[in-house]
mmCIF file of all heavy atoms, coordinates in Angstrom:
data_MODEL
# 
_entry.id   MODEL 
# 
loop_
_atom_site.group_PDB 
_atom_site.id 
_atom_site.type_symbol 
_atom_site.label_atom_id 
_atom_site.label_alt_id 
_atom_site.label_comp_id 
_atom_site.label_asym_id 
_atom_site.label_entity_id 
_atom_site.label_seq_id 
_atom_site.pdbx_PDB_ins_code 
_atom_site.Cartn_x 
_atom_site.Cartn_y 
_atom_site.Cartn_z 
_atom_site.occupancy 
_atom_site.B_iso_or_equiv 
_atom_site.pdbx_formal_charge 
_atom_site.auth_seq_id 
_atom_site.auth_comp_id 
_atom_site.auth_asym_id 
_atom_site.auth_atom_id 
_atom_site.pdbx_PDB_model_num 
ATOM 1   N N   . LYS A 1 1  ? -14.480 -17.069 18.014  1.00 0.00 ? 1  LYS A N   1 
ATOM 2   C CA  . LYS A 1 1  ? -14.729 -15.732 17.494  1.00 0.00 ? 1  LYS A CA  1 
ATOM 3   C C   . LYS A 1 1  ? -13.467 -14.883 17.584  1.00 0.00 ? 1  LYS A C   1 
ATOM 4   O O   . LYS A 1 1  ? -13.125 -14.150 16.653  1.00 0.00 ? 1  LYS A O   1 
ATOM 5   C CB  . LYS A 1 1  ? -15.863 -15.067 18.276  1.00 0.00 ? 1  LYS A CB  1 
ATOM 6   C CG  . LYS A 1 1  ? -16.216 -13.663 17.778  1.00 0.00 ? 1  LYS A CG  1 
ATOM 7   C CD  . LYS A 1 1  ? -17.340 -13.068 18.593  1.00 0.00 ? 1  LYS A CD  1 
ATOM 8   C CE  . LYS A 1 1  ? -17.714 -11.691 18.047  1.00 0.00 ? 1  LYS A CE  1 
ATOM 9   N NZ  . LYS A 1 1  ? -16.591 -10.756 18.021  1.00 0.00 ? 1  LYS A NZ  1 
ATOM 10  N N   . GLU A 1 2  ? -12.767 -14.991 18.717  1.00 0.00 ? 2  GLU A N   1 
ATOM 11  C CA  . GLU A 1 2  ? -11.530 -14.230 18.866  1.00 0.00 ? 2  GLU A CA  1 
ATOM 12  C C   . GLU A 1 2  ? -10.504 -14.659 17.827  1.00 0.00 ? 2  GLU A C   1 
ATOM 13  O O   . GLU A 1 2  ? -9.817  -13.833 17.234  1.00 0.00 ? 2  GLU A O   1 
ATOM 14  C CB  . GLU A 1 2  ? -10.957 -14.418 20.276  1.00 0.00 ? 2  GLU A CB  1 
ATOM 15  C CG  . GLU A 1 2  ? -11.812 -13.806 21.389  1.00 0.00 ? 2  GLU A CG  1 
ATOM 16  C CD  . GLU A 1 2  ? -11.654 -12.306 21.468  1.00 0.00 ? 2  GLU A CD  1 
ATOM 17  O OE1 . GLU A 1 2  ? -10.772 -11.772 20.779  1.00 0.00 ? 2  GLU A OE1 1 
ATOM 18  O OE2 . GLU A 1 2  ? -12.417 -11.671 22.203  1.00 0.00 ? 2  GLU A OE2 1 
ATOM 19  N N   . ARG A 1 3  ? -10.388 -15.956 17.593  1.00 0.00 ? 3  ARG A N   1 
ATOM 20  C CA  . ARG A 1 3  ? -9.383  -16.446 16.645  1.00 0.00 ? 3  ARG A CA  1 
ATOM 21  C C   . ARG A 1 3  ? -9.760  -16.107 15.207  1.00 0.00 ? 3  ARG A C   1 
ATOM 22  O O   . ARG A 1 3  ? -8.894  -15.897 14.362  1.00 0.00 ? 3  ARG A O   1 
ATOM 23  C CB  . ARG A 1 3  ? -9.199  -17.957 16.801  1.00 0.00 ? 3  ARG A CB  1 
ATOM 24  C CG  . ARG A 1 3  ? -8.486  -18.316 18.106  1.00 0.00 ? 3  ARG A CG  1 
ATOM 25  C CD  . ARG A 1 3  ? -7.916  -19.713 18.033  1.00 0.00 ? 3  ARG A CD  1 
ATOM 26  N NE  . ARG A 1 3  ? -7.246  -20.065 19.260  1.00 0.00 ? 3  ARG A NE  1 
ATOM 27  C CZ  . ARG A 1 3  ? -6.004  -19.724 19.557  1.00 0.00 ? 3  ARG A CZ  1 
ATOM 28  N NH1 . ARG A 1 3  ? -5.319  -18.977 18.733  1.00 0.00 ? 3  ARG A NH1 1 
ATOM 29  N NH2 . ARG A 1 3  ? -5.443  -20.094 20.689  1.00 0.00 ? 3  ARG A NH2 1 
ATOM 30  N N   . GLU A 1 4  ? -11.058 -16.068 14.887  1.00 0.00 ? 4  GLU A N   1 
ATOM 31  C CA  . GLU A 1 4  ? -11.459 -15.665 13.545  1.00 0.00 ? 4  GLU A CA  1 
ATOM 32  C C   . GLU A 1 4  ? -11.046 -14.222 13.286  1.00 0.00 ? 4  GLU A C   1 
ATOM 33  O O   . GLU A 1 4  ? -10.537 -13.882 12.227  1.00 0.00 ? 4  GLU A O   1 
ATOM 34  C CB  . GLU A 1 4  ? -12.974 -15.819 13.380  1.00 0.00 ? 4  GLU A CB  1 
ATOM 35  C CG  . GLU A 1 4  ? -13.427 -17.272 13.266  1.00 0.00 ? 4  GLU A CG  1 
ATOM 36  C CD  . GLU A 1 4  ? -14.937 -17.384 13.250  1.00 0.00 ? 4  GLU A CD  1 
ATOM 37  O OE1 . GLU A 1 4  ? -15.599 -16.327 13.321  1.00 0.00 ? 4  GLU A OE1 1 
ATOM 38  O OE2 . GLU A 1 4  ? -15.452 -18.510 13.160  1.00 0.00 ? 4  GLU A OE2 1 
ATOM 39  N N   . ASP A 1 5  ? -11.264 -13.359 14.275  1.00 0.00 ? 5  ASP A N   1 
ATOM 40  C CA  . ASP A 1 5  ? -10.843 -11.974 14.126  1.00 0.00 ? 5  ASP A CA  1 
ATOM 41  C C   . ASP A 1 5  ? -9.330  -11.873 14.079  1.00 0.00 ? 5  ASP A C   1 
ATOM 42  O O   . ASP A 1 5  ? -8.767  -11.005 13.414  1.00 0.00 ? 5  ASP A O   1 
ATOM 43  C CB  . ASP A 1 5  ? -11.374 -11.127 15.296  1.00 0.00 ? 5  ASP A CB  1 
ATOM 44  C CG  . ASP A 1 5  ? -12.896 -11.071 15.305  1.00 0.00 ? 5  ASP A CG  1 
ATOM 45  O OD1 . ASP A 1 5  ? -13.481 -11.338 14.238  1.00 0.00 ? 5  ASP A OD1 1 
ATOM 46  O OD2 . ASP A 1 5  ? -13.478 -10.800 16.367  1.00 0.00 ? 5  ASP A OD2 1 
ATOM 47  N N   . PHE A 1 6  ? -8.657  -12.779 14.778  1.00 0.00 ? 6  PHE A N   1 
ATOM 48  C CA  . PHE A 1 6  ? -7.193  -12.740 14.862  1.00 0.00 ? 6  PHE A CA  1 
ATOM 49  C C   . PHE A 1 6  ? -6.553  -13.185 13.552  1.00 0.00 ? 6  PHE A C   1 
ATOM 50  O O   . PHE A 1 6  ? -5.605  -12.602 13.064  1.00 0.00 ? 6  PHE A O   1 
ATOM 51  C CB  . PHE A 1 6  ? -6.733  -13.644 16.001  1.00 0.00 ? 6  PHE A CB  1 
ATOM 52  C CG  . PHE A 1 6  ? -5.245  -13.735 16.145  1.00 0.00 ? 6  PHE A CG  1 
ATOM 53  C CD1 . PHE A 1 6  ? -4.547  -12.732 16.782  1.00 0.00 ? 6  PHE A CD1 1 
ATOM 54  C CD2 . PHE A 1 6  ? -4.557  -14.823 15.652  1.00 0.00 ? 6  PHE A CD2 1 
ATOM 55  C CE1 . PHE A 1 6  ? -3.176  -12.816 16.924  1.00 0.00 ? 6  PHE A CE1 1 
ATOM 56  C CE2 . PHE A 1 6  ? -3.193  -14.917 15.791  1.00 0.00 ? 6  PHE A CE2 1 
ATOM 57  C CZ  . PHE A 1 6  ? -2.501  -13.902 16.429  1.00 0.00 ? 6  PHE A CZ  1 
ATOM 58  N N   . ILE A 1 7  ? -7.115  -14.246 12.950  1.00 0.00 ? 7  ILE A N   1 
ATOM 59  C CA  . ILE A 1 7  ? -6.507  -14.833 11.763  1.00 0.00 ? 7  ILE A CA  1 
ATOM 60  C C   . ILE A 1 7  ? -7.072  -14.234 10.482  1.00 0.00 ? 7  ILE A C   1 
ATOM 61  O O   . ILE A 1 7  ? -6.353  -13.866 9.573   1.00 0.00 ? 7  ILE A O   1 
ATOM 62  C CB  . ILE A 1 7  ? -6.699  -16.364 11.770  1.00 0.00 ? 7  ILE A CB  1 
ATOM 63  C CG1 . ILE A 1 7  ? -6.011  -16.964 12.998  1.00 0.00 ? 7  ILE A CG1 1 
ATOM 64  C CG2 . ILE A 1 7  ? -6.161  -16.989 10.504  1.00 0.00 ? 7  ILE A CG2 1 
ATOM 65  C CD1 . ILE A 1 7  ? -6.277  -18.439 13.186  1.00 0.00 ? 7  ILE A CD1 1 
ATOM 66  N N   . GLY A 1 8  ? -8.375  -14.121 10.400  1.00 0.00 ? 8  GLY A N   1 
ATOM 67  C CA  . GLY A 1 8  ? -8.998  -13.731 9.145   1.00 0.00 ? 8  GLY A CA  1 
ATOM 68  C C   . GLY A 1 8  ? -9.472  -12.306 9.103   1.00 0.00 ? 8  GLY A C   1 
ATOM 69  O O   . GLY A 1 8  ? -10.494 -12.014 8.488   1.00 0.00 ? 8  GLY A O   1 
ATOM 70  N N   . GLY A 1 9  ? -8.794  -11.422 9.775   1.00 0.00 ? 9  GLY A N   1 
ATOM 71  C CA  . GLY A 1 9  ? -9.212  -10.029 9.789   1.00 0.00 ? 9  GLY A CA  1 
ATOM 72  C C   . GLY A 1 9  ? -9.045  -9.388  8.430   1.00 0.00 ? 9  GLY A C   1 
ATOM 73  O O   . GLY A 1 9  ? -8.330  -9.887  7.554   1.00 0.00 ? 9  GLY A O   1 
ATOM 74  N N   . PRO A 1 10 ? -9.731  -8.270  8.193   1.00 0.00 ? 10 PRO A N   1 
ATOM 75  C CA  . PRO A 1 10 ? -9.630  -7.609  6.902   1.00 0.00 ? 10 PRO A CA  1 
ATOM 76  C C   . PRO A 1 10 ? -8.226  -7.092  6.665   1.00 0.00 ? 10 PRO A C   1 
ATOM 77  O O   . PRO A 1 10 ? -7.582  -6.545  7.551   1.00 0.00 ? 10 PRO A O   1 
ATOM 78  C CB  . PRO A 1 10 ? -10.637 -6.454  7.027   1.00 0.00 ? 10 PRO A CB  1 
ATOM 79  C CG  . PRO A 1 10 ? -10.748 -6.212  8.494   1.00 0.00 ? 10 PRO A CG  1 
ATOM 80  C CD  . PRO A 1 10 ? -10.576 -7.547  9.150   1.00 0.00 ? 10 PRO A CD  1 
ATOM 81  N N   . GLY A 1 11 ? -7.723  -7.298  5.439   1.00 0.00 ? 11 GLY A N   1 
ATOM 82  C CA  . GLY A 1 11 ? -6.408  -6.817  5.093   1.00 0.00 ? 11 GLY A CA  1 
ATOM 83  C C   . GLY A 1 11 ? -6.447  -5.347  4.723   1.00 0.00 ? 11 GLY A C   1 
ATOM 84  O O   . GLY A 1 11 ? -7.495  -4.701  4.698   1.00 0.00 ? 11 GLY A O   1 
ATOM 85  N N   . LYS A 1 12 ? -5.294  -4.808  4.439   1.00 0.00 ? 12 LYS A N   1 
ATOM 86  C CA  . LYS A 1 12 ? -5.203  -3.405  4.066   1.00 0.00 ? 12 LYS A CA  1 
ATOM 87  C C   . LYS A 1 12 ? -5.780  -3.221  2.676   1.00 0.00 ? 12 LYS A C   1 
ATOM 88  O O   . LYS A 1 12 ? -5.351  -3.884  1.729   1.00 0.00 ? 12 LYS A O   1 
ATOM 89  C CB  . LYS A 1 12 ? -3.739  -2.950  4.104   1.00 0.00 ? 12 LYS A CB  1 
ATOM 90  C CG  . LYS A 1 12 ? -3.566  -1.464  3.864   1.00 0.00 ? 12 LYS A CG  1 
ATOM 91  C CD  . LYS A 1 12 ? -2.104  -1.078  3.971   1.00 0.00 ? 12 LYS A CD  1 
ATOM 92  C CE  . LYS A 1 12 ? -1.935  0.423   3.750   1.00 0.00 ? 12 LYS A CE  1 
ATOM 93  N NZ  . LYS A 1 12 ? -0.520  0.819   3.831   1.00 0.00 ? 12 LYS A NZ  1 
ATOM 94  N N   . PRO A 1 13 ? -6.782  -2.341  2.495   1.00 0.00 ? 13 PRO A N   1 
ATOM 95  C CA  . PRO A 1 13 ? -7.398  -2.192  1.182   1.00 0.00 ? 13 PRO A CA  1 
ATOM 96  C C   . PRO A 1 13 ? -6.436  -1.567  0.189   1.00 0.00 ? 13 PRO A C   1 
ATOM 97  O O   . PRO A 1 13 ? -5.588  -0.748  0.541   1.00 0.00 ? 13 PRO A O   1 
ATOM 98  C CB  . PRO A 1 13 ? -8.591  -1.278  1.466   1.00 0.00 ? 13 PRO A CB  1 
ATOM 99  C CG  . PRO A 1 13 ? -8.199  -0.512  2.682   1.00 0.00 ? 13 PRO A CG  1 
ATOM 100 C CD  . PRO A 1 13 ? -7.364  -1.453  3.492   1.00 0.00 ? 13 PRO A CD  1 
ATOM 101 N N   . ARG A 1 14 ? -6.579  -1.969  -1.081  1.00 0.00 ? 14 ARG A N   1 
ATOM 102 C CA  . ARG A 1 14 ? -5.763  -1.390  -2.141  1.00 0.00 ? 14 ARG A CA  1 
ATOM 103 C C   . ARG A 1 14 ? -6.243  0.030   -2.396  1.00 0.00 ? 14 ARG A C   1 
ATOM 104 O O   . ARG A 1 14 ? -7.441  0.277   -2.500  1.00 0.00 ? 14 ARG A O   1 
ATOM 105 C CB  . ARG A 1 14 ? -5.873  -2.226  -3.407  1.00 0.00 ? 14 ARG A CB  1 
ATOM 106 C CG  . ARG A 1 14 ? -4.841  -1.865  -4.474  1.00 0.00 ? 14 ARG A CG  1 
ATOM 107 C CD  . ARG A 1 14 ? -5.031  -2.739  -5.695  1.00 0.00 ? 14 ARG A CD  1 
ATOM 108 N NE  . ARG A 1 14 ? -3.968  -2.545  -6.657  1.00 0.00 ? 14 ARG A NE  1 
ATOM 109 C CZ  . ARG A 1 14 ? -2.836  -3.220  -6.660  1.00 0.00 ? 14 ARG A CZ  1 
ATOM 110 N NH1 . ARG A 1 14 ? -2.629  -4.121  -5.725  1.00 0.00 ? 14 ARG A NH1 1 
ATOM 111 N NH2 . ARG A 1 14 ? -1.911  -3.010  -7.571  1.00 0.00 ? 14 ARG A NH2 1 
ATOM 112 N N   . LYS A 1 15 ? -5.350  0.948   -2.515  1.00 0.00 ? 15 LYS A N   1 
ATOM 113 C CA  . LYS A 1 15 ? -5.752  2.329   -2.670  1.00 0.00 ? 15 LYS A CA  1 
ATOM 114 C C   . LYS A 1 15 ? -4.969  2.977   -3.799  1.00 0.00 ? 15 LYS A C   1 
ATOM 115 O O   . LYS A 1 15 ? -3.926  2.484   -4.236  1.00 0.00 ? 15 LYS A O   1 
ATOM 116 C CB  . LYS A 1 15 ? -5.514  3.098   -1.373  1.00 0.00 ? 15 LYS A CB  1 
ATOM 117 C CG  . LYS A 1 15 ? -4.065  3.139   -0.912  1.00 0.00 ? 15 LYS A CG  1 
ATOM 118 C CD  . LYS A 1 15 ? -3.942  3.886   0.395   1.00 0.00 ? 15 LYS A CD  1 
ATOM 119 C CE  . LYS A 1 15 ? -2.485  3.918   0.869   1.00 0.00 ? 15 LYS A CE  1 
ATOM 120 N NZ  . LYS A 1 15 ? -2.331  4.626   2.143   1.00 0.00 ? 15 LYS A NZ  1 
ATOM 121 N N   . LYS A 1 16 ? -5.520  4.084   -4.282  1.00 0.00 ? 16 LYS A N   1 
ATOM 122 C CA  . LYS A 1 16 ? -4.889  4.873   -5.326  1.00 0.00 ? 16 LYS A CA  1 
ATOM 123 C C   . LYS A 1 16 ? -4.738  6.292   -4.830  1.00 0.00 ? 16 LYS A C   1 
ATOM 124 O O   . LYS A 1 16 ? -5.632  6.819   -4.175  1.00 0.00 ? 16 LYS A O   1 
ATOM 125 C CB  . LYS A 1 16 ? -5.733  4.856   -6.605  1.00 0.00 ? 16 LYS A CB  1 
ATOM 126 C CG  . LYS A 1 16 ? -5.985  3.459   -7.156  1.00 0.00 ? 16 LYS A CG  1 
ATOM 127 C CD  . LYS A 1 16 ? -6.948  3.513   -8.308  1.00 0.00 ? 16 LYS A CD  1 
ATOM 128 C CE  . LYS A 1 16 ? -7.305  2.108   -8.783  1.00 0.00 ? 16 LYS A CE  1 
ATOM 129 N NZ  . LYS A 1 16 ? -8.296  2.127   -9.870  1.00 0.00 ? 16 LYS A NZ  1 
ATOM 130 N N   . LYS A 1 17 ? -3.623  6.895   -5.163  1.00 0.00 ? 17 LYS A N   1 
ATOM 131 C CA  . LYS A 1 17 ? -3.387  8.263   -4.737  1.00 0.00 ? 17 LYS A CA  1 
ATOM 132 C C   . LYS A 1 17 ? -4.163  9.213   -5.621  1.00 0.00 ? 17 LYS A C   1 
ATOM 133 O O   . LYS A 1 17 ? -4.189  9.078   -6.842  1.00 0.00 ? 17 LYS A O   1 
ATOM 134 C CB  . LYS A 1 17 ? -1.895  8.583   -4.791  1.00 0.00 ? 17 LYS A CB  1 
ATOM 135 C CG  . LYS A 1 17 ? -1.566  9.939   -4.187  1.00 0.00 ? 17 LYS A CG  1 
ATOM 136 C CD  . LYS A 1 17 ? -0.064  10.159  -4.154  1.00 0.00 ? 17 LYS A CD  1 
ATOM 137 C CE  . LYS A 1 17 ? 0.253   11.502  -3.505  1.00 0.00 ? 17 LYS A CE  1 
ATOM 138 N NZ  . LYS A 1 17 ? 1.710   11.734  -3.453  1.00 0.00 ? 17 LYS A NZ  1 
ATOM 139 N N   . LEU A 1 18 ? -4.784  10.190  -5.032  1.00 0.00 ? 18 LEU A N   1 
ATOM 140 C CA  . LEU A 1 18 ? -5.613  11.167  -5.724  1.00 0.00 ? 18 LEU A CA  1 
ATOM 141 C C   . LEU A 1 18 ? -4.948  12.518  -5.626  1.00 0.00 ? 18 LEU A C   1 
ATOM 142 O O   . LEU A 1 18 ? -4.754  13.051  -4.536  1.00 0.00 ? 18 LEU A O   1 
ATOM 143 C CB  . LEU A 1 18 ? -7.005  11.218  -5.099  1.00 0.00 ? 18 LEU A CB  1 
ATOM 144 C CG  . LEU A 1 18 ? -8.019  12.138  -5.757  1.00 0.00 ? 18 LEU A CG  1 
ATOM 145 C CD1 . LEU A 1 18 ? -8.307  11.678  -7.167  1.00 0.00 ? 18 LEU A CD1 1 
ATOM 146 C CD2 . LEU A 1 18 ? -9.299  12.172  -4.948  1.00 0.00 ? 18 LEU A CD2 1 
ATOM 147 N N   . GLN A 1 19 ? -4.553  13.076  -6.779  1.00 0.00 ? 19 GLN A N   1 
ATOM 148 C CA  . GLN A 1 19 ? -3.876  14.368  -6.802  1.00 0.00 ? 19 GLN A CA  1 
ATOM 149 C C   . GLN A 1 19 ? -4.813  15.413  -7.396  1.00 0.00 ? 19 GLN A C   1 
ATOM 150 O O   . GLN A 1 19 ? -5.244  15.292  -8.540  1.00 0.00 ? 19 GLN A O   1 
ATOM 151 C CB  . GLN A 1 19 ? -2.597  14.290  -7.628  1.00 0.00 ? 19 GLN A CB  1 
ATOM 152 C CG  . GLN A 1 19 ? -1.541  13.385  -7.003  1.00 0.00 ? 19 GLN A CG  1 
ATOM 153 C CD  . GLN A 1 19 ? -0.274  13.336  -7.819  1.00 0.00 ? 19 GLN A CD  1 
ATOM 154 O OE1 . GLN A 1 19 ? -0.274  13.709  -8.976  1.00 0.00 ? 19 GLN A OE1 1 
ATOM 155 N NE2 . GLN A 1 19 ? 0.798   12.870  -7.203  1.00 0.00 ? 19 GLN A NE2 1 
ATOM 156 N N   . VAL A 1 20 ? -5.122  16.422  -6.611  1.00 0.00 ? 20 VAL A N   1 
ATOM 157 C CA  . VAL A 1 20 ? -5.999  17.497  -7.029  1.00 0.00 ? 20 VAL A CA  1 
ATOM 158 C C   . VAL A 1 20 ? -5.236  18.804  -6.884  1.00 0.00 ? 20 VAL A C   1 
ATOM 159 O O   . VAL A 1 20 ? -4.554  19.033  -5.877  1.00 0.00 ? 20 VAL A O   1 
ATOM 160 C CB  . VAL A 1 20 ? -7.289  17.526  -6.174  1.00 0.00 ? 20 VAL A CB  1 
ATOM 161 C CG1 . VAL A 1 20 ? -8.222  18.626  -6.659  1.00 0.00 ? 20 VAL A CG1 1 
ATOM 162 C CG2 . VAL A 1 20 ? -7.981  16.184  -6.218  1.00 0.00 ? 20 VAL A CG2 1 
ATOM 163 N N   . LEU A 1 21 ? -5.333  19.661  -7.900  1.00 0.00 ? 21 LEU A N   1 
ATOM 164 C CA  . LEU A 1 21 ? -4.617  20.932  -7.846  1.00 0.00 ? 21 LEU A CA  1 
ATOM 165 C C   . LEU A 1 21 ? -5.102  21.768  -6.676  1.00 0.00 ? 21 LEU A C   1 
ATOM 166 O O   . LEU A 1 21 ? -6.294  21.737  -6.333  1.00 0.00 ? 21 LEU A O   1 
ATOM 167 C CB  . LEU A 1 21 ? -4.821  21.700  -9.152  1.00 0.00 ? 21 LEU A CB  1 
ATOM 168 C CG  . LEU A 1 21 ? -4.175  21.070  -10.392 1.00 0.00 ? 21 LEU A CG  1 
ATOM 169 C CD1 . LEU A 1 21 ? -4.510  21.895  -11.614 1.00 0.00 ? 21 LEU A CD1 1 
ATOM 170 C CD2 . LEU A 1 21 ? -2.669  20.956  -10.220 1.00 0.00 ? 21 LEU A CD2 1 
ATOM 171 N N   . PRO A 1 22 ? -4.213  22.543  -6.053  1.00 0.00 ? 22 PRO A N   1 
ATOM 172 C CA  . PRO A 1 22 ? -4.627  23.384  -4.921  1.00 0.00 ? 22 PRO A CA  1 
ATOM 173 C C   . PRO A 1 22 ? -5.754  24.330  -5.314  1.00 0.00 ? 22 PRO A C   1 
ATOM 174 O O   . PRO A 1 22 ? -5.701  24.979  -6.352  1.00 0.00 ? 22 PRO A O   1 
ATOM 175 C CB  . PRO A 1 22 ? -3.349  24.152  -4.564  1.00 0.00 ? 22 PRO A CB  1 
ATOM 176 C CG  . PRO A 1 22 ? -2.250  23.292  -5.071  1.00 0.00 ? 22 PRO A CG  1 
ATOM 177 C CD  . PRO A 1 22 ? -2.773  22.633  -6.296  1.00 0.00 ? 22 PRO A CD  1 
ATOM 178 N N   . GLY A 1 23 ? -6.765  24.420  -4.484  1.00 0.00 ? 23 GLY A N   1 
ATOM 179 C CA  . GLY A 1 23 ? -7.914  25.269  -4.742  1.00 0.00 ? 23 GLY A CA  1 
ATOM 180 C C   . GLY A 1 23 ? -9.082  24.555  -5.379  1.00 0.00 ? 23 GLY A C   1 
ATOM 181 O O   . GLY A 1 23 ? -10.208 25.046  -5.341  1.00 0.00 ? 23 GLY A O   1 
ATOM 182 N N   . ASN A 1 24 ? -8.843  23.379  -6.002  1.00 0.00 ? 24 ASN A N   1 
ATOM 183 C CA  . ASN A 1 24 ? -9.919  22.610  -6.611  1.00 0.00 ? 24 ASN A CA  1 
ATOM 184 C C   . ASN A 1 24 ? -10.483 21.616  -5.607  1.00 0.00 ? 24 ASN A C   1 
ATOM 185 O O   . ASN A 1 24 ? -9.826  21.254  -4.635  1.00 0.00 ? 24 ASN A O   1 
ATOM 186 C CB  . ASN A 1 24 ? -9.416  21.863  -7.852  1.00 0.00 ? 24 ASN A CB  1 
ATOM 187 C CG  . ASN A 1 24 ? -9.082  22.818  -8.980  1.00 0.00 ? 24 ASN A CG  1 
ATOM 188 O OD1 . ASN A 1 24 ? -9.605  23.930  -9.023  1.00 0.00 ? 24 ASN A OD1 1 
ATOM 189 N ND2 . ASN A 1 24 ? -8.201  22.389  -9.870  1.00 0.00 ? 24 ASN A ND2 1 
# 
């Protein structure tokens, strides 16, 4: 169990930057 978490842990999710005008 420790090695599964060590080797196959979740990777960094792909993300998109969200730009919202100030005040919105």
